[in-house]
Amino acid sequence: MSYARIGSANTYDNAVRNISTRQSALSNLQENLTSGKRVVRPSDDPTSAANAERALTRISRITSNQRALESQRNAIAQAEGTLGQVTDVLQRFRELVVSAGNAVNSSAERRSIAVELQGLRDQVYALANTQDTNGLPLFSALGSALAPFVGPQATAPDYTFNGLPGQTASSDVAIPFTLDGDAAFMHQPARDGAYNVAVSTIPTDRTLTTNGVTVVQSSLVNGHSYEISFSAVGPGASPNTTTATYTIVDKTTNTSSLPVVIADFPSDQPLSLKISAEANPAVNIPGLSLQITGTPADGDTVSITPDPSIFSVLDQAIKDIKEAPNNNGATQAVGQALHNIDIGMARISAVRGQAGDLLNRADRISANQENRSIQLESDRSRAEDLDMIKGISDFNNQQTGYQAALQTYAKVQQLSLFNFIS
């Protein structure tokens, strides 16, 4: 009898434990089906849980990088669009400068054109100091004040870049927030050769003009200001010829070259004088070339001054056009303005091209990050997601076992002495 009682009690306890185990397993499978995950908690599979957590962390980092990249892309796109506006304004400025060179214009008409040019110059300056939606300058380079460009100033240079020139490097996941405003709007004598060449007042019965300065050997360019003075202009040794002498003065160092004599050029033709190391290795402007055309006279001067920025070019063009005493002065002012505006537009176009390259890089980074995110999501899914077909099959099998355990328990409950007696 005692063996029967022990056997019945053991059978009863085993049945209860079996039901509890199967109920717990069934509950876990149901939770997996509901969540769609094989690993609901780390204890389910520590290795898979760690892999899934690592993948989620990397996906989160990619999401953050993508948000930052989108902000950077918007800033560069705005900067590129601003440079496009600057180019449009400069093109309009150029058109007005060409119209100012028309010989039929009077001094009053040139002054009227200069007023419109001043408004366009103000637009260029405002665009150069444009800020993004966060209040940061679009052209601050490696860092600058809220207004990267300062000027005009009373002392030279008239405009300065209030910051650190250069372009921030891109990374595998980011591009710069700003463009190099120094490269876009500021000029370097050796690189750009932006010089304003002004001729002293020439009477209406003769002309004296120059072309734009060109850089022939950048390593020799020193950025100094120069003045070419003509003297001893008179009859040449031969009939119908003229002789003249010129001297080049370095206004920065206050040093003068040796006088150079231009002997016996035809009196009935304009003088064509080339100032360069090629034409005269002993007396020239270091690294630069300049062509002077016209009829010089005693006291005529030609001043050569570097333009440190596109704003300097515009200001000088406005001043020279407004103050041109006659057509010779207007012709010289227009020629210099067009030459230097083209230099400035080339600089802006180059930086605008860099902006386009950065936007293309941003697109490539975004595409790469999206592909990487998809790969990481696959890794996470493999680590923790549930195979639904297998999950449903396991759930049905477990449910069948659970029902069998319940029926077994019902039978075991009846195995007692009292039931036997009755």
Protein backbone atom coordinates (compact mmCIF):
# COMPACT_ATOMS: atom_id res chain seq x y z
CA MET A 1 0.00 0.00 0.00
CA SER A 2 2.82 2.44 0.85
CA TYR A 3 4.43 1.81 -2.55
CA ALA A 4 1.18 2.60 -4.28
CA ARG A 5 0.83 5.87 -2.40
CA ILE A 6 4.43 6.93 -3.16
CA GLY A 7 3.97 6.03 -6.81
CA SER A 8 0.74 8.00 -7.04
CA ALA A 9 2.30 11.05 -5.38
CA ASN A 10 5.35 10.97 -7.69
CA THR A 11 3.16 10.56 -10.71
CA TYR A 12 1.06 13.50 -9.52
CA ASP A 13 4.09 15.74 -8.96
CA ASN A 14 5.60 14.79 -12.31
CA ALA A 15 2.37 15.60 -14.08
CA VAL A 16 2.17 19.02 -12.40
CA ARG A 17 5.79 19.80 -13.28
CA ASN A 18 5.21 18.66 -16.86
CA ILE A 19 2.17 20.93 -17.19
CA SER A 20 4.05 23.87 -15.70
CA THR A 21 7.04 23.34 -18.01
CA ARG A 22 4.91 23.02 -21.09
CA GLN A 23 2.79 26.00 -20.11
CA SER A 24 5.92 28.13 -19.66
CA ALA A 25 7.33 26.95 -22.99
CA LEU A 26 4.01 27.61 -24.70
CA SER A 27 3.88 31.09 -23.18
CA ASN A 28 7.41 31.82 -24.43
CA LEU A 29 6.57 30.64 -27.93
CA GLN A 30 3.44 32.75 -27.92
CA GLU A 31 5.51 35.78 -26.84
CA ASN A 32 7.97 35.09 -29.68
CA LEU A 33 5.14 34.90 -32.19
CA THR A 34 3.61 38.11 -30.90
CA SER A 35 6.88 40.08 -31.03
CA GLY A 36 8.19 38.38 -34.15
CA LYS A 37 11.50 37.84 -32.40
CA ARG A 38 13.40 34.72 -31.51
CA VAL A 39 15.42 36.57 -28.87
CA VAL A 40 13.11 38.61 -26.69
CA ARG A 41 15.52 38.98 -23.76
CA PRO A 42 19.31 38.49 -23.53
CA SER A 43 18.91 35.29 -21.53
CA ASP A 44 17.20 33.66 -24.51
CA ASP A 45 20.48 33.67 -26.50
CA PRO A 46 23.27 35.86 -25.09
CA THR A 47 25.44 35.67 -28.22
CA SER A 48 22.63 36.57 -30.62
CA ALA A 49 21.40 39.30 -28.29
CA ALA A 50 24.89 40.85 -28.25
CA ASN A 51 25.12 40.69 -32.05
CA ALA A 52 21.70 42.29 -32.42
CA GLU A 53 22.56 45.03 -29.91
CA ARG A 54 25.80 45.76 -31.76
CA ALA A 55 23.94 46.03 -35.06
CA LEU A 56 21.31 48.35 -33.53
CA THR A 57 24.04 50.59 -32.08
CA ARG A 58 25.69 50.91 -35.49
CA ILE A 59 22.36 51.58 -37.17
CA SER A 60 21.68 54.33 -34.63
CA ARG A 61 25.10 55.84 -35.32
CA ILE A 62 24.44 55.78 -39.06
CA THR A 63 21.09 57.49 -38.51
CA SER A 64 22.80 60.26 -36.53
CA ASN A 65 25.47 60.66 -39.20
CA GLN A 66 22.83 60.83 -41.91
CA ARG A 67 20.99 63.60 -40.05
CA ALA A 68 24.24 65.56 -39.69
CA LEU A 69 25.09 64.92 -43.36
CA GLU A 70 21.70 66.24 -44.44
CA SER A 71 22.34 69.44 -42.48
CA GLN A 72 25.77 69.76 -44.08
CA ARG A 73 24.33 69.09 -47.53
CA ASN A 74 21.73 71.81 -47.04
CA ALA A 75 24.38 74.33 -45.97
CA ILE A 76 26.64 73.57 -48.95
CA ALA A 77 23.65 73.63 -51.32
CA GLN A 78 22.72 77.05 -49.96
CA ALA A 79 26.32 78.23 -50.35
CA GLU A 80 26.43 76.94 -53.94
CA GLY A 81 23.16 78.70 -54.71
CA THR A 82 24.51 81.91 -53.17
CA LEU A 83 27.59 81.74 -55.39
CA GLY A 84 25.23 81.34 -58.33
CA GLN A 85 23.45 84.54 -57.27
CA VAL A 86 26.80 86.31 -56.94
CA THR A 87 27.70 85.22 -60.47
CA ASP A 88 24.40 86.58 -61.80
CA VAL A 89 24.95 89.93 -60.07
CA LEU A 90 28.52 90.15 -61.36
CA GLN A 91 27.32 89.36 -64.87
CA ARG A 92 24.84 92.25 -64.64
CA PHE A 93 27.63 94.45 -63.24
CA ARG A 94 29.79 93.49 -66.21
CA GLU A 95 27.06 94.38 -68.69
CA LEU A 96 26.69 97.83 -67.16
CA VAL A 97 30.45 98.36 -67.24
CA VAL A 98 30.46 97.55 -70.96
CA SER A 99 27.67 100.07 -71.54
CA ALA A 100 29.64 102.70 -69.58
CA GLY A 101 32.44 102.35 -72.11
CA ASN A 102 30.25 103.60 -74.94
CA ALA A 103 31.88 106.74 -76.36
CA VAL A 104 28.52 108.50 -76.68
CA ASN A 105 28.04 108.54 -72.91
CA SER A 106 28.53 111.85 -71.17
CA SER A 107 30.09 112.24 -67.74
CA ALA A 108 26.60 112.56 -66.23
CA GLU A 109 25.48 109.33 -67.86
CA ARG A 110 28.53 107.51 -66.56
CA ARG A 111 27.79 108.79 -63.07
CA SER A 112 24.24 107.49 -63.40
CA ILE A 113 25.56 104.06 -64.38
CA ALA A 114 27.92 104.18 -61.40
CA VAL A 115 24.93 104.59 -59.06
CA GLU A 116 23.40 101.35 -60.34
CA LEU A 117 26.78 99.65 -60.13
CA GLN A 118 26.99 100.64 -56.45
CA GLY A 119 23.72 98.84 -55.73
CA LEU A 120 25.02 95.67 -57.40
CA ARG A 121 28.29 95.89 -55.46
CA ASP A 122 26.30 96.08 -52.19
CA GLN A 123 24.42 92.92 -53.21
CA VAL A 124 27.68 91.03 -53.81
CA TYR A 125 29.05 92.08 -50.41
CA ALA A 126 25.83 91.07 -48.63
CA LEU A 127 25.75 87.69 -50.38
CA ALA A 128 29.37 87.02 -49.40
CA ASN A 129 28.41 87.45 -45.73
CA THR A 130 25.27 85.30 -45.99
CA GLN A 131 24.48 83.03 -43.03
CA ASP A 132 22.75 79.67 -43.00
CA THR A 133 19.57 78.84 -41.06
CA ASN A 134 21.65 78.36 -37.89
CA GLY A 135 23.16 81.83 -38.15
CA LEU A 136 26.59 80.60 -39.25
CA PRO A 137 28.40 82.15 -42.25
CA LEU A 138 28.31 80.10 -45.43
CA PHE A 139 31.83 81.19 -46.42
CA SER A 140 33.65 81.11 -43.09
CA ALA A 141 36.35 78.65 -44.31
CA LEU A 142 38.12 77.13 -41.28
CA GLY A 143 36.40 79.52 -38.88
CA SER A 144 35.66 83.20 -38.74
CA ALA A 145 33.45 85.82 -37.18
CA LEU A 146 29.79 86.13 -38.07
CA ALA A 147 30.83 88.51 -40.86
CA PRO A 148 33.80 86.89 -42.67
CA PHE A 149 34.46 89.91 -44.88
CA VAL A 150 35.32 93.29 -43.43
CA GLY A 151 35.57 96.54 -45.37
CA PRO A 152 36.00 98.95 -46.91
CA GLN A 153 38.77 100.07 -44.58
CA ALA A 154 40.74 103.29 -44.64
CA THR A 155 44.10 101.52 -44.72
CA ALA A 156 45.36 98.91 -47.17
CA PRO A 157 44.13 96.34 -47.79
CA ASP A 158 40.68 97.85 -48.13
CA TYR A 159 38.96 94.47 -47.57
CA THR A 160 40.10 91.59 -45.38
CA PHE A 161 38.92 88.07 -44.69
CA ASN A 162 38.27 87.92 -40.97
CA GLY A 163 39.06 84.28 -40.42
CA LEU A 164 41.32 81.37 -41.25
CA PRO A 165 41.47 80.57 -45.00
CA GLY A 166 41.21 76.97 -46.14
CA GLN A 167 38.65 74.25 -46.76
CA THR A 168 37.65 71.74 -44.09
CA ALA A 169 38.35 68.18 -45.23
CA SER A 170 35.58 65.69 -45.80
CA SER A 171 35.42 62.36 -43.97
CA ASP A 172 33.90 58.98 -44.73
CA VAL A 173 30.57 60.08 -43.26
CA ALA A 174 30.57 63.90 -43.44
CA ILE A 175 31.28 66.93 -45.61
CA PRO A 176 32.14 70.50 -44.51
CA PHE A 177 29.45 72.91 -43.32
CA THR A 178 31.07 75.89 -45.06
CA LEU A 179 33.07 76.90 -48.13
CA ASP A 180 36.35 78.79 -48.31
CA GLY A 181 35.26 82.39 -48.77
CA ASP A 182 38.86 83.53 -48.96
CA ALA A 183 39.39 81.42 -52.09
CA ALA A 184 36.12 82.66 -53.62
CA PHE A 185 36.25 86.41 -52.98
CA MET A 186 39.81 87.35 -52.04
CA HIS A 187 42.64 87.70 -54.56
CA GLN A 188 46.31 86.79 -54.42
CA PRO A 189 48.66 88.75 -56.70
CA ALA A 190 50.78 85.76 -57.72
CA ARG A 191 47.85 83.44 -58.25
CA ASP A 192 45.28 85.73 -59.84
CA GLY A 193 47.12 88.78 -61.13
CA ALA A 194 44.25 91.10 -60.25
CA TYR A 195 45.81 94.56 -60.55
CA ASN A 196 44.13 97.86 -61.28
CA VAL A 197 46.07 99.87 -63.84
CA ALA A 198 45.18 103.58 -63.87
CA VAL A 199 46.44 106.18 -66.32
CA SER A 200 46.83 109.85 -65.42
CA THR A 201 44.45 112.29 -67.08
CA ILE A 202 45.09 112.34 -70.83
CA PRO A 203 43.87 115.28 -72.99
CA THR A 204 41.19 114.57 -75.56
CA ASP A 205 43.62 115.09 -78.47
CA ARG A 206 45.53 111.88 -77.70
CA THR A 207 45.09 108.48 -76.03
CA LEU A 208 47.05 106.31 -73.64
CA THR A 209 45.61 103.04 -72.39
CA THR A 210 46.82 99.65 -71.15
CA ASN A 211 45.66 96.08 -71.18
CA GLY A 212 45.15 94.02 -68.04
CA VAL A 213 48.13 92.78 -66.07
CA THR A 214 49.07 89.16 -66.69
CA VAL A 215 51.22 86.90 -64.52
CA VAL A 216 54.14 85.41 -66.44
CA GLN A 217 56.17 84.01 -63.53
CA SER A 218 54.22 83.71 -60.29
CA SER A 219 57.29 82.95 -58.17
CA LEU A 220 58.60 86.47 -58.80
CA VAL A 221 55.38 88.35 -58.08
CA ASN A 222 55.69 90.35 -54.86
CA GLY A 223 52.34 92.13 -54.69
CA HIS A 224 53.91 95.61 -54.65
CA SER A 225 52.40 98.73 -56.21
CA TYR A 226 54.25 100.31 -59.11
CA GLU A 227 54.20 103.50 -61.16
CA ILE A 228 55.54 104.00 -64.67
CA SER A 229 56.51 107.60 -65.42
CA PHE A 230 57.20 109.04 -68.89
CA SER A 231 59.69 111.84 -69.47
CA ALA A 232 61.94 113.34 -72.12
CA VAL A 233 59.35 112.82 -74.84
CA GLY A 234 60.51 114.58 -77.99
CA PRO A 235 61.66 114.26 -81.61
CA GLY A 236 63.75 111.24 -82.45
CA ALA A 237 67.02 111.13 -84.30
CA SER A 238 65.23 110.24 -87.53
CA PRO A 239 62.53 112.30 -89.22
CA ASN A 240 58.94 111.65 -88.16
CA THR A 241 60.03 109.71 -85.11
CA THR A 242 59.68 110.30 -81.41
CA THR A 243 61.82 109.36 -78.45
CA ALA A 244 60.57 108.83 -74.90
CA THR A 245 61.98 107.68 -71.58
CA TYR A 246 60.20 105.80 -68.85
CA THR A 247 61.06 104.84 -65.29
CA ILE A 248 59.46 102.20 -63.09
CA VAL A 249 59.04 103.12 -59.42
CA ASP A 250 58.26 100.51 -56.77
CA LYS A 251 55.81 102.51 -54.62
CA THR A 252 55.98 99.94 -51.81
CA THR A 253 59.75 100.18 -51.33
CA ASN A 254 60.22 103.66 -52.88
CA THR A 255 62.91 102.42 -55.25
CA SER A 256 63.29 103.42 -58.89
CA SER A 257 64.61 101.55 -61.88
CA LEU A 258 67.15 102.92 -64.31
CA PRO A 259 65.60 105.12 -67.01
CA VAL A 260 64.73 103.24 -70.19
CA VAL A 261 64.87 105.09 -73.51
CA ILE A 262 62.40 104.24 -76.28
CA ALA A 263 64.19 105.51 -79.32
CA ASP A 264 62.80 106.56 -82.67
CA PHE A 265 59.29 105.13 -82.77
CA PRO A 266 56.98 106.43 -85.58
CA SER A 267 55.33 109.70 -84.62
CA ASP A 268 52.22 109.00 -86.72
CA GLN A 269 51.48 105.68 -85.00
CA PRO A 270 50.56 104.84 -81.40
CA LEU A 271 53.41 103.55 -79.28
CA SER A 272 53.07 99.88 -78.30
CA LEU A 273 55.24 99.35 -75.22
CA LYS A 274 55.48 96.00 -73.48
CA ILE A 275 56.66 96.05 -69.89
CA SER A 276 57.94 92.58 -69.04
CA ALA A 277 61.10 90.61 -68.43
CA GLU A 278 60.86 89.29 -71.98
CA ALA A 279 60.93 92.78 -73.48
CA ASN A 280 63.50 94.21 -71.09
CA PRO A 281 65.14 91.81 -68.62
CA ALA A 282 66.87 94.67 -66.78
CA VAL A 283 63.83 96.88 -66.13
CA ASN A 284 60.46 95.27 -65.55
CA ILE A 285 57.78 94.56 -62.98
CA PRO A 286 58.78 91.23 -61.33
CA GLY A 287 56.70 88.36 -62.66
CA LEU A 288 54.17 90.56 -64.46
CA SER A 289 53.52 91.72 -68.00
CA LEU A 290 51.76 94.88 -69.16
CA GLN A 291 51.13 96.42 -72.59
CA ILE A 292 50.89 100.23 -72.92
CA THR A 293 49.39 101.66 -76.10
CA GLY A 294 49.01 105.28 -77.16
CA THR A 295 50.84 108.54 -77.36
CA PRO A 296 52.76 109.32 -74.16
CA ALA A 297 53.84 112.78 -73.11
CA ASP A 298 56.03 114.22 -70.38
CA GLY A 299 54.47 113.68 -66.96
CA ASP A 300 52.15 110.85 -67.99
CA THR A 301 52.00 108.11 -65.39
CA VAL A 302 50.62 104.61 -65.21
CA SER A 303 49.94 103.25 -61.71
CA ILE A 304 49.66 99.52 -61.01
CA THR A 305 47.98 98.53 -57.74
CA PRO A 306 46.93 95.03 -56.59
CA ASP A 307 43.22 94.45 -56.00
CA PRO A 308 42.98 92.27 -52.84
CA SER A 309 39.38 91.18 -53.42
CA ILE A 310 36.47 91.15 -55.82
CA PHE A 311 34.94 93.92 -53.69
CA SER A 312 38.04 96.05 -54.34
CA VAL A 313 37.62 95.44 -58.07
CA LEU A 314 34.00 96.56 -57.97
CA ASP A 315 34.72 99.64 -55.84
CA GLN A 316 37.58 100.66 -58.13
CA ALA A 317 35.44 100.19 -61.24
CA ILE A 318 32.67 102.34 -59.78
CA LYS A 319 35.14 105.07 -58.79
CA ASP A 320 36.99 105.11 -62.09
CA ILE A 321 33.84 105.12 -64.22
CA LYS A 322 32.21 107.85 -62.14
CA GLU A 323 35.34 110.04 -62.13
CA ALA A 324 36.50 109.39 -65.72
CA PRO A 325 37.43 112.84 -67.10
CA ASN A 326 36.96 111.85 -70.75
CA ASN A 327 36.62 108.90 -73.10
CA ASN A 328 40.25 107.88 -72.63
CA GLY A 329 39.72 107.62 -68.88
CA ALA A 330 36.44 105.74 -69.37
CA THR A 331 38.05 103.32 -71.82
CA GLN A 332 40.87 102.59 -69.38
CA ALA A 333 38.45 102.15 -66.46
CA VAL A 334 36.17 99.82 -68.42
CA GLY A 335 39.03 97.70 -69.74
CA GLN A 336 40.53 97.20 -66.29
CA ALA A 337 37.14 96.50 -64.70
CA LEU A 338 36.24 93.83 -67.26
CA HIS A 339 39.65 92.16 -66.97
CA ASN A 340 39.53 91.98 -63.16
CA ILE A 341 35.84 91.06 -62.96
CA ASP A 342 36.57 88.08 -65.18
CA ILE A 343 39.36 87.06 -62.80
CA GLY A 344 36.97 87.33 -59.85
CA MET A 345 34.23 85.36 -61.61
CA ALA A 346 36.73 82.62 -62.41
CA ARG A 347 37.61 82.34 -58.70
CA ILE A 348 33.94 82.16 -57.71
CA SER A 349 33.25 79.59 -60.43
CA ALA A 350 36.12 77.42 -59.14
CA VAL A 351 34.77 77.44 -55.57
CA ARG A 352 31.27 76.81 -56.89
CA GLY A 353 32.67 73.74 -58.64
CA GLN A 354 34.10 72.59 -55.30
CA ALA A 355 30.65 72.95 -53.80
CA GLY A 356 29.24 70.75 -56.54
CA ASP A 357 31.90 68.13 -55.81
CA LEU A 358 30.97 68.22 -52.10
CA LEU A 359 27.29 67.73 -52.93
CA ASN A 360 28.16 64.76 -55.14
CA ARG A 361 30.28 63.35 -52.33
CA ALA A 362 27.37 63.79 -49.93
CA ASP A 363 25.15 61.77 -52.27
CA ARG A 364 27.74 59.00 -52.43
CA ILE A 365 28.15 58.98 -48.64
CA SER A 366 24.39 58.84 -48.16
CA ALA A 367 24.04 55.93 -50.59
CA ASN A 368 26.89 54.03 -48.92
CA GLN A 369 25.43 54.61 -45.47
CA GLU A 370 22.00 53.44 -46.60
CA ASN A 371 23.52 50.24 -48.01
CA ARG A 372 25.45 49.71 -44.78
CA SER A 373 22.30 50.29 -42.74
CA ILE A 374 20.46 47.66 -44.80
CA GLN A 375 23.29 45.19 -44.21
CA LEU A 376 23.29 45.87 -40.47
CA GLU A 377 19.52 45.47 -40.36
CA SER A 378 19.95 42.06 -42.00
CA ASP A 379 22.56 41.15 -39.40
CA ARG A 380 20.22 42.20 -36.62
CA SER A 381 17.34 40.28 -38.16
CA ARG A 382 19.40 37.10 -38.45
CA ALA A 383 20.45 37.44 -34.82
CA GLU A 384 17.08 38.00 -33.17
CA ASP A 385 14.13 37.72 -35.57
CA LEU A 386 11.90 34.66 -35.53
CA ASP A 387 11.41 32.30 -38.46
CA MET A 388 7.61 32.52 -38.48
CA ILE A 389 7.03 29.15 -40.18
CA LYS A 390 9.24 27.38 -37.68
CA GLY A 391 7.75 29.41 -34.82
CA ILE A 392 4.17 28.47 -35.70
CA SER A 393 5.16 24.83 -36.10
CA ASP A 394 6.90 24.82 -32.72
CA PHE A 395 3.91 26.54 -31.13
CA ASN A 396 1.47 23.95 -32.51
CA ASN A 397 3.68 21.10 -31.35
CA GLN A 398 4.02 22.64 -27.92
CA GLN A 399 0.29 23.26 -27.71
CA THR A 400 -0.40 19.59 -28.56
CA GLY A 401 2.04 18.48 -25.87
CA TYR A 402 0.44 20.86 -23.38
CA GLN A 403 -3.04 19.45 -24.08
CA ALA A 404 -1.68 15.91 -23.67
CA ALA A 405 -0.15 16.88 -20.35
CA LEU A 406 -3.47 18.27 -19.16
CA GLN A 407 -5.27 15.06 -20.08
CA THR A 408 -2.58 12.99 -18.33
CA TYR A 409 -2.95 15.12 -15.23
CA ALA A 410 -6.70 14.57 -15.27
CA LYS A 411 -6.11 10.80 -15.22
CA VAL A 412 -3.45 11.01 -12.53
CA GLN A 413 -5.81 12.99 -10.30
CA GLN A 414 -8.12 9.99 -10.15
CA LEU A 415 -5.35 7.70 -8.84
CA SER A 416 -6.15 7.89 -5.12
CA LEU A 417 -7.22 5.35 -2.45
CA PHE A 418 -10.59 6.98 -2.08
CA ASN A 419 -11.34 6.67 -5.76
CA PHE A 420 -10.18 3.06 -5.63
CA ILE A 421 -12.43 2.25 -2.62
CA SER A 422 -15.41 3.93 -4.22
